[in-house]
N, C-alpha and C. Protein backbone atom coordinates (compact mmCIF):
# COMPACT_ATOMS: atom_id res chain seq x y z
N UNK A 1 174.87 158.03 150.05
CA UNK A 1 174.61 156.55 149.47
C UNK A 1 174.06 156.08 148.57
N UNK A 2 174.37 155.11 148.62
CA UNK A 2 173.33 155.31 146.51
C UNK A 2 172.81 154.20 146.88
N UNK A 3 171.41 153.91 147.85
CA UNK A 3 170.44 153.57 148.00
C UNK A 3 169.30 154.70 148.35
N UNK A 4 169.69 156.23 148.02
CA UNK A 4 168.37 157.29 148.01
C UNK A 4 168.82 157.55 146.61
N UNK A 5 170.39 157.17 145.38
CA UNK A 5 170.32 158.17 144.28
C UNK A 5 168.62 156.85 143.15
N UNK A 6 169.27 155.67 144.00
CA UNK A 6 168.87 154.32 143.21
C UNK A 6 166.66 154.88 143.20
N UNK A 7 166.78 155.02 144.58
CA UNK A 7 164.94 155.90 144.97
C UNK A 7 164.89 156.48 143.30
N UNK A 8 164.96 156.74 142.34
CA UNK A 8 165.09 157.77 141.64
C UNK A 8 164.11 156.68 140.06
N UNK A 9 165.15 155.57 140.29
CA UNK A 9 164.81 155.01 139.15
C UNK A 9 163.49 153.80 139.42
N UNK A 10 162.64 154.47 140.68
CA UNK A 10 161.79 153.73 140.82
C UNK A 10 160.40 153.81 140.56
N UNK A 11 160.50 155.60 140.06
CA UNK A 11 159.68 156.37 140.33
C UNK A 11 158.43 156.04 139.71
N UNK A 12 158.80 155.43 138.17
CA UNK A 12 157.72 155.23 136.92
C UNK A 12 157.22 154.24 137.36
N UNK A 13 157.34 153.29 137.49
CA UNK A 13 156.25 151.80 138.57
C UNK A 13 155.79 152.32 139.56
N UNK A 14 156.51 152.58 139.82
CA UNK A 14 156.04 152.87 141.42
C UNK A 14 154.22 154.10 141.20
N UNK A 15 154.33 155.24 140.16
CA UNK A 15 153.72 155.98 139.49
C UNK A 15 152.34 154.91 138.90
N UNK A 16 153.08 153.51 138.28
CA UNK A 16 152.10 153.47 137.48
C UNK A 16 151.20 152.91 138.76
N UNK A 17 151.85 151.72 139.67
CA UNK A 17 151.41 151.10 140.33
C UNK A 17 149.84 152.22 141.44
N UNK A 18 150.60 153.82 141.53
CA UNK A 18 149.88 154.85 142.15
C UNK A 18 147.78 154.84 141.38
N UNK A 19 149.35 154.73 140.56
CA UNK A 19 147.63 155.40 139.71
C UNK A 19 146.39 154.69 139.01
N UNK A 20 146.48 153.24 139.47
CA UNK A 20 146.29 151.59 138.62
C UNK A 20 145.46 151.23 140.50
N UNK A 21 145.91 152.10 141.13
CA UNK A 21 145.92 151.07 142.75
C UNK A 21 144.29 153.10 143.42
N UNK A 22 144.72 153.55 143.30
CA UNK A 22 143.70 155.29 143.00
C UNK A 22 143.12 155.52 141.51
N UNK A 23 142.75 155.49 140.85
CA UNK A 23 142.57 155.86 140.04
C UNK A 23 142.19 157.38 139.50
N UNK A 24 143.06 158.03 139.87
CA UNK A 24 143.04 158.81 139.83
C UNK A 24 144.96 160.02 139.37
N UNK A 25 144.80 159.77 138.23
CA UNK A 25 146.36 160.49 138.71
C UNK A 25 146.61 161.78 139.77
N UNK A 26 146.43 162.48 140.20
CA UNK A 26 146.21 163.77 141.23
C UNK A 26 146.42 163.17 142.74
N UNK A 27 145.58 161.83 143.09
CA UNK A 27 145.97 161.25 144.02
C UNK A 27 147.21 160.38 144.47
N UNK A 28 147.47 159.59 142.54
CA UNK A 28 148.41 158.97 143.30
C UNK A 28 149.64 159.34 143.11
N UNK A 29 149.92 161.50 142.17
CA UNK A 29 150.73 161.75 142.93
C UNK A 29 151.18 161.98 143.87
N UNK A 30 150.02 162.15 144.66
CA UNK A 30 150.39 162.45 146.29
C UNK A 30 151.22 161.15 146.93
N UNK A 31 150.37 159.83 146.84
CA UNK A 31 150.36 158.26 147.30
C UNK A 31 152.28 158.33 146.33
N UNK A 32 152.09 158.94 145.59
CA UNK A 32 154.03 158.65 144.88
C UNK A 32 155.42 159.49 146.05
N UNK A 33 153.99 160.71 146.31
CA UNK A 33 155.13 162.20 147.45
C UNK A 33 155.06 161.31 148.35
N UNK A 34 153.95 160.55 148.72
CA UNK A 34 154.33 160.18 150.00
C UNK A 34 155.27 159.09 150.45
N UNK A 35 154.71 158.29 149.60
CA UNK A 35 155.80 157.02 149.39
C UNK A 35 157.47 157.32 149.89
N UNK A 36 157.87 157.96 148.38
CA UNK A 36 159.22 159.06 148.20
C UNK A 36 159.70 158.94 150.03
N UNK A 37 158.83 159.95 150.63
CA UNK A 37 158.94 160.54 151.13
C UNK A 37 159.27 160.05 152.50
N UNK A 38 158.48 158.89 152.29
CA UNK A 38 158.54 157.86 153.99
C UNK A 38 160.02 156.95 153.92
N UNK A 39 160.23 156.45 152.94
CA UNK A 39 160.97 155.46 151.77
C UNK A 39 162.54 156.50 152.84
N UNK A 40 162.95 158.67 152.07
CA UNK A 40 163.55 158.50 152.23
C UNK A 40 164.31 158.36 154.29
N UNK A 41 162.71 159.10 154.78
CA UNK A 41 162.85 158.68 156.49
C UNK A 41 163.89 157.86 156.85
N UNK A 42 162.54 156.28 156.30
CA UNK A 42 162.72 155.10 156.59
C UNK A 42 163.90 154.49 156.34
N UNK A 43 164.70 155.06 155.56
CA UNK A 43 165.46 154.53 154.46
C UNK A 43 166.92 153.42 154.95
N UNK A 44 167.09 153.80 156.76
CA UNK A 44 167.70 152.79 156.97
C UNK A 44 167.83 151.89 157.55
N UNK A 45 165.99 150.90 157.55
CA UNK A 45 164.81 149.85 157.12
C UNK A 45 165.79 148.67 156.41
N UNK A 46 165.15 149.47 155.85
CA UNK A 46 165.54 148.67 154.60
C UNK A 46 167.07 147.88 154.09
N UNK A 47 167.14 146.36 154.45
CA UNK A 47 168.15 145.98 153.66
C UNK A 47 169.27 146.02 152.82
N UNK A 48 170.39 146.97 153.06
CA UNK A 48 171.32 146.75 151.83
C UNK A 48 171.30 144.67 151.48
N UNK A 49 170.91 144.30 149.91
CA UNK A 49 171.13 143.43 149.62
C UNK A 49 170.06 142.59 149.36
N UNK A 50 168.56 143.95 150.24
CA UNK A 50 167.48 143.30 150.03
C UNK A 50 166.46 143.93 148.34
N UNK A 51 165.87 143.00 147.95
CA UNK A 51 165.10 143.91 146.95
C UNK A 51 164.20 145.49 146.77
N UNK A 52 165.11 146.70 146.43
CA UNK A 52 164.81 147.71 147.10
C UNK A 52 163.35 148.54 146.79
N UNK A 53 162.98 147.69 145.28
CA UNK A 53 161.77 147.41 144.92
C UNK A 53 160.20 147.25 145.51
N UNK A 54 160.88 145.66 145.39
CA UNK A 54 159.69 145.18 146.97
C UNK A 54 159.70 146.08 147.53
N UNK A 55 160.71 146.40 148.64
CA UNK A 55 160.68 147.41 149.54
C UNK A 55 160.07 148.61 149.13
N UNK A 56 160.02 149.03 148.81
CA UNK A 56 159.49 150.12 147.88
C UNK A 56 157.91 150.23 147.98
N UNK A 57 157.38 149.32 147.21
CA UNK A 57 155.84 148.92 146.23
C UNK A 57 155.38 148.42 148.75
N UNK A 58 156.50 147.75 148.87
CA UNK A 58 155.18 148.15 150.40
C UNK A 58 155.35 149.12 151.27
N UNK A 59 156.09 149.98 150.68
CA UNK A 59 156.08 150.50 151.75
C UNK A 59 154.74 151.99 151.51
N UNK A 60 154.84 151.37 149.70
CA UNK A 60 153.35 152.34 149.27
C UNK A 60 151.70 151.88 149.42
N UNK A 61 152.46 150.35 149.86
CA UNK A 61 151.03 149.76 149.66
C UNK A 61 150.67 149.94 151.43
N UNK A 62 151.24 149.81 152.14
CA UNK A 62 150.60 150.02 153.60
C UNK A 62 150.10 151.68 154.26
N UNK A 63 151.31 153.00 153.19
CA UNK A 63 150.07 153.77 152.69
C UNK A 63 149.39 154.23 152.34
N UNK A 64 148.38 153.25 150.85
CA UNK A 64 147.81 153.72 150.26
C UNK A 64 146.57 152.88 151.14
N UNK A 65 146.78 151.65 151.87
CA UNK A 65 146.22 151.03 152.59
C UNK A 65 145.16 152.31 154.02
N UNK A 66 146.72 152.05 154.87
CA UNK A 66 146.95 154.14 155.40
C UNK A 66 145.59 154.54 155.81
N UNK A 67 145.75 154.67 154.39
CA UNK A 67 144.80 156.02 153.40
C UNK A 67 143.71 155.74 153.46
N UNK A 68 143.43 154.70 152.80
CA UNK A 68 142.04 154.34 153.24
C UNK A 68 141.56 154.10 153.94
N UNK A 69 141.92 153.75 154.66
CA UNK A 69 141.44 153.35 156.58
C UNK A 69 140.21 154.70 157.24
N UNK A 70 141.46 155.68 156.97
CA UNK A 70 141.47 156.87 157.39
C UNK A 70 139.93 157.87 156.83
N UNK A 71 139.91 158.37 157.76
CA UNK A 71 138.29 159.27 157.53
C UNK A 71 138.37 160.02 156.35
N UNK A 72 139.31 160.78 156.10
CA UNK A 72 139.64 161.42 154.76
C UNK A 72 138.55 161.33 153.96
N UNK A 73 137.11 162.44 153.00
CA UNK A 73 136.60 162.32 151.93
C UNK A 73 137.21 161.07 151.23
N UNK A 74 137.39 160.80 149.96
CA UNK A 74 137.81 159.63 148.70
C UNK A 74 137.65 160.84 147.92
N UNK A 75 138.49 161.09 146.94
CA UNK A 75 138.70 161.25 146.07
C UNK A 75 137.29 160.72 144.86
N UNK A 76 137.23 161.23 143.54
CA UNK A 76 136.27 160.58 142.80
C UNK A 76 136.21 159.78 142.60
N UNK A 77 135.52 158.29 142.41
CA UNK A 77 135.68 156.66 142.02
C UNK A 77 136.08 156.94 139.97
N UNK A 78 136.78 156.64 140.26
CA UNK A 78 136.54 155.93 138.99
C UNK A 78 135.82 155.80 138.05
N UNK A 79 134.61 155.29 138.13
CA UNK A 79 134.06 155.13 137.80
C UNK A 79 132.93 156.64 137.45
N UNK A 80 133.12 157.06 138.56
CA UNK A 80 132.76 158.16 138.44
C UNK A 80 133.13 159.79 137.57
N UNK A 81 134.14 158.77 136.72
CA UNK A 81 135.03 159.90 135.45
C UNK A 81 135.36 160.30 134.37
N UNK A 82 134.35 160.77 133.83
CA UNK A 82 134.30 160.71 132.38
C UNK A 82 134.94 160.73 131.37
N UNK A 83 135.06 159.51 130.66
CA UNK A 83 135.56 158.45 129.52
C UNK A 83 135.48 159.49 128.31
N UNK A 84 137.59 159.34 128.47
CA UNK A 84 137.37 160.28 127.39
C UNK A 84 137.01 159.76 125.92
N UNK A 85 136.96 161.19 125.27
CA UNK A 85 136.54 160.58 123.89
C UNK A 85 137.41 159.52 122.01
N UNK A 86 136.28 159.37 122.29
CA UNK A 86 138.38 158.27 121.55
C UNK A 86 137.25 158.36 119.81
N UNK A 87 138.55 158.55 118.80
CA UNK A 87 138.65 158.54 117.46
C UNK A 87 138.46 157.76 116.86
N UNK A 88 138.34 156.60 116.01
CA UNK A 88 139.10 155.28 116.05
C UNK A 88 140.36 154.56 116.52
N UNK A 89 139.72 153.08 116.60
CA UNK A 89 140.22 152.03 117.66
C UNK A 89 139.36 151.89 118.49
N UNK A 90 137.84 153.37 118.73
CA UNK A 90 136.31 152.65 119.62
C UNK A 90 136.94 151.21 119.62
N UNK A 91 136.59 150.38 119.41
CA UNK A 91 136.81 148.65 120.41
C UNK A 91 137.78 148.30 121.23
N UNK A 92 139.62 148.87 120.80
CA UNK A 92 140.48 149.56 121.56
C UNK A 92 139.83 149.68 122.86
N UNK A 93 139.30 150.96 123.11
CA UNK A 93 139.86 152.03 123.94
C UNK A 93 137.93 150.92 124.45
N UNK A 94 137.21 150.66 124.79
CA UNK A 94 135.95 150.49 125.07
C UNK A 94 136.60 149.83 126.18
N UNK A 95 137.00 148.45 125.11
CA UNK A 95 137.69 147.71 126.36
C UNK A 95 138.48 147.39 127.82
N UNK A 96 139.45 148.61 127.55
CA UNK A 96 140.29 149.37 127.71
C UNK A 96 139.64 149.94 128.90
N UNK A 97 138.26 150.60 128.97
CA UNK A 97 137.44 151.36 129.58
C UNK A 97 136.68 149.63 130.41
N UNK A 98 136.48 148.61 129.86
CA UNK A 98 136.00 147.89 130.95
C UNK A 98 136.98 147.41 131.18
N UNK A 99 138.07 146.93 130.86
CA UNK A 99 138.75 146.85 132.09
C UNK A 99 139.07 147.52 132.76
N UNK A 100 139.42 148.79 133.21
CA UNK A 100 139.28 149.95 134.08
C UNK A 100 138.56 149.87 134.71
N UNK A 101 137.05 149.83 134.39
CA UNK A 101 136.08 149.88 135.32
C UNK A 101 135.81 148.04 135.64
N UNK A 102 136.01 147.79 135.40
CA UNK A 102 136.23 146.52 136.55
C UNK A 102 137.28 146.41 136.84
N UNK A 103 137.81 146.38 136.97
CA UNK A 103 139.48 146.24 137.99
C UNK A 103 139.35 147.46 139.20
N UNK A 104 138.41 148.15 139.11
CA UNK A 104 137.74 148.74 139.57
C UNK A 104 137.25 148.52 141.01
N UNK A 105 136.24 147.35 140.86
CA UNK A 105 134.93 147.07 140.76
C UNK A 105 135.37 145.90 141.84
N UNK A 106 136.72 145.43 141.94
CA UNK A 106 137.22 144.85 142.26
C UNK A 106 137.49 144.37 143.50
N UNK A 107 137.32 144.20 144.87
CA UNK A 107 137.71 143.85 146.29
C UNK A 107 139.60 144.66 145.97
N UNK A 108 139.82 145.32 146.86
CA UNK A 108 141.00 146.47 147.46
C UNK A 108 141.82 145.41 147.33
N UNK A 109 142.42 144.44 148.30
CA UNK A 109 143.06 142.64 148.35
C UNK A 109 143.18 142.07 146.91
N UNK A 110 142.05 142.29 146.24
CA UNK A 110 141.99 141.59 144.88
C UNK A 110 142.56 142.50 143.99
N UNK A 111 142.59 143.60 143.62
CA UNK A 111 142.82 144.64 142.81
C UNK A 111 144.31 144.91 143.34
N UNK A 112 145.32 145.17 144.49
CA UNK A 112 146.05 145.00 144.56
C UNK A 112 147.05 143.86 143.99
N UNK A 113 146.53 142.71 144.34
CA UNK A 113 147.73 141.48 144.86
C UNK A 113 147.35 141.64 142.33
N UNK A 114 145.70 141.67 141.95
CA UNK A 114 146.28 141.34 140.48
C UNK A 114 147.35 142.71 139.82
N UNK A 115 147.07 143.86 140.30
CA UNK A 115 147.66 145.02 139.60
C UNK A 115 149.71 144.12 140.09
N UNK A 116 149.92 143.96 141.12
CA UNK A 116 151.32 144.20 141.80
C UNK A 116 151.35 142.59 140.90
N UNK A 117 150.83 141.70 140.33
CA UNK A 117 151.46 140.49 140.00
C UNK A 117 151.68 140.18 138.83
N UNK A 118 149.80 141.05 137.66
CA UNK A 118 150.54 141.42 136.18
C UNK A 118 151.00 142.45 136.28
N UNK A 119 150.49 143.22 137.06
CA UNK A 119 151.42 144.68 135.47
C UNK A 119 152.75 144.96 136.66
N UNK A 120 152.64 144.54 137.79
CA UNK A 120 154.12 144.73 138.34
C UNK A 120 155.38 143.99 138.08
N UNK A 121 154.48 142.29 137.63
CA UNK A 121 154.95 141.13 137.13
C UNK A 121 156.26 140.88 138.77
N UNK A 122 156.06 141.81 139.65
CA UNK A 122 155.69 140.85 140.72
C UNK A 122 156.02 138.93 140.85
N UNK A 123 156.99 138.79 142.11
CA UNK A 123 156.79 137.24 142.19
C UNK A 123 155.71 136.93 142.97
N UNK A 124 155.09 135.67 142.83
CA UNK A 124 153.87 135.41 144.21
C UNK A 124 154.15 135.78 145.59
N UNK A 125 155.86 135.08 145.92
CA UNK A 125 156.41 135.79 147.30
C UNK A 125 156.74 137.30 147.08
N UNK A 126 157.25 137.91 146.41
CA UNK A 126 158.02 139.23 146.51
C UNK A 126 156.43 139.27 146.39
N UNK A 127 155.19 139.70 146.20
CA UNK A 127 153.96 140.61 146.31
C UNK A 127 153.61 139.93 147.23
N UNK A 128 153.68 138.84 147.87
CA UNK A 128 153.49 138.87 149.52
C UNK A 128 153.92 139.17 151.10
N UNK A 129 154.84 139.88 150.00
CA UNK A 129 155.65 140.36 151.23
C UNK A 129 156.03 141.96 150.96
N UNK A 130 155.35 142.26 150.43
CA UNK A 130 154.61 144.11 149.96
C UNK A 130 153.83 143.67 150.60
N UNK A 131 152.84 142.95 149.94
CA UNK A 131 151.25 143.50 150.65
C UNK A 131 151.02 142.65 152.73
N UNK A 132 152.44 141.85 152.92
CA UNK A 132 152.27 140.94 153.70
C UNK A 132 151.13 139.70 154.34
N UNK A 133 151.37 139.08 153.40
CA UNK A 133 150.36 137.93 153.66
C UNK A 133 151.15 136.45 153.12
N UNK A 134 150.34 134.98 153.48
CA UNK A 134 151.67 134.32 153.07
C UNK A 134 151.44 135.12 151.47
N UNK A 135 152.17 133.55 151.52
CA UNK A 135 152.40 133.35 149.25
C UNK A 135 151.16 133.18 149.07
N UNK A 136 150.19 131.82 150.11
CA UNK A 136 149.12 131.14 149.55
C UNK A 136 147.97 132.01 149.31
N UNK A 137 148.11 133.25 150.63
CA UNK A 137 146.84 134.28 150.01
C UNK A 137 146.88 134.57 148.70
N UNK A 138 148.13 135.00 147.97
CA UNK A 138 148.26 135.85 147.61
C UNK A 138 147.77 135.04 145.90
N UNK A 139 148.35 133.80 146.13
CA UNK A 139 147.60 132.60 144.80
C UNK A 139 145.88 133.09 145.02
N UNK A 140 144.97 133.03 145.60
CA UNK A 140 144.31 132.68 146.33
C UNK A 140 143.54 133.70 145.59
N UNK A 141 143.84 135.62 146.48
CA UNK A 141 143.44 136.04 145.71
C UNK A 141 143.61 136.96 144.52
N UNK A 142 145.29 136.12 144.13
CA UNK A 142 144.18 136.34 142.31
C UNK A 142 143.97 135.43 141.76
N UNK A 143 143.99 134.45 141.78
CA UNK A 143 143.07 133.28 141.19
C UNK A 143 141.03 133.65 141.71
N UNK A 144 141.47 134.14 142.40
CA UNK A 144 139.70 134.58 142.74
C UNK A 144 139.57 136.25 141.77
N UNK A 145 140.79 137.56 141.47
CA UNK A 145 140.29 138.15 141.50
C UNK A 145 140.57 138.43 139.51
N UNK A 146 140.85 137.34 139.05
CA UNK A 146 141.24 136.65 137.70
C UNK A 146 139.49 136.51 137.19
N UNK A 147 139.61 135.04 138.17
CA UNK A 147 137.80 134.53 138.16
C UNK A 147 136.96 135.62 137.79
N UNK A 148 136.69 136.94 138.86
CA UNK A 148 135.35 137.89 139.02
C UNK A 148 135.52 139.29 137.48
N UNK A 149 136.74 138.64 137.62
CA UNK A 149 137.23 139.57 135.91
C UNK A 149 136.84 139.02 135.15
N UNK A 150 136.67 137.76 134.44
CA UNK A 150 136.36 136.85 133.37
C UNK A 150 135.02 137.24 133.47
N UNK A 151 134.06 136.84 134.53
CA UNK A 151 133.01 136.98 134.95
C UNK A 151 132.24 138.57 134.52
N UNK A 152 133.04 139.09 134.92
CA UNK A 152 132.57 141.06 134.31
C UNK A 152 132.81 140.99 133.48
N UNK A 153 134.40 140.70 132.46
CA UNK A 153 134.13 141.53 130.75
C UNK A 153 133.38 140.95 130.78
N UNK A 154 132.91 138.88 131.00
CA UNK A 154 131.87 138.28 130.10
C UNK A 154 130.41 139.32 129.79
N UNK A 155 129.91 139.19 130.58
CA UNK A 155 128.71 139.34 130.80
C UNK A 155 128.26 138.80 132.41
N UNK A 156 128.55 137.21 132.76
CA UNK A 156 128.47 136.32 133.78
C UNK A 156 128.34 136.86 134.75
N UNK A 157 126.87 136.53 135.88
CA UNK A 157 127.02 136.92 137.25
C UNK A 157 128.19 136.86 138.08
N UNK A 158 128.58 137.43 138.72
CA UNK A 158 129.48 137.63 139.46
C UNK A 158 128.73 137.21 141.42
N UNK A 159 129.46 136.40 141.44
CA UNK A 159 128.89 135.56 142.68
C UNK A 159 130.29 136.03 144.12
N UNK A 160 128.82 137.05 144.87
CA UNK A 160 129.79 136.97 145.96
C UNK A 160 130.04 136.62 146.83
N UNK A 161 130.96 135.05 147.76
CA UNK A 161 130.89 134.96 148.30
C UNK A 161 131.39 136.00 149.80
N UNK A 162 130.61 135.43 151.42
CA UNK A 162 131.47 136.01 152.82
C UNK A 162 132.07 134.83 152.79
N UNK A 163 133.39 135.63 154.06
CA UNK A 163 134.21 135.20 154.14
C UNK A 163 133.33 134.87 155.46
N UNK A 164 133.97 133.37 155.45
CA UNK A 164 133.78 132.39 156.70
C UNK A 164 135.08 133.04 158.13
N UNK A 165 134.83 132.96 158.70
CA UNK A 165 135.79 133.29 160.31
C UNK A 165 135.77 132.01 161.38
């Protein structure tokens, strides 16, 4: 079956997304492995002719959310990891660290949308399918994530709004 062999070509992007979600190489590798295992077991649920990449990211996102909800103790937080020493290009390294730290402080749903649209270049509709929310929700989460990131990176106060139900 061709789809099985197509899974392998998506590994680098899945690993990059997993690393950005988890902030830890070991946890990212575990998430990618769990994703590939689930994808192989559930491959008959993928509809040929649809976007295999989006389906794999959906599987990964759902696994990540389920793992985050579980009672297992989390690994080290991104902000607890030691910074790598820098030599030459210090400003770029500091900027990258600030971006990484700000990204880690985003609410999970905003971080996921920002990574899918900004890093993985999913369309709003594709990201909405991956996460399982309406396209408008993706757009509003992305706008809030961008504004929150901008505020954190410029040192402006971040306004925390409460959801109204």
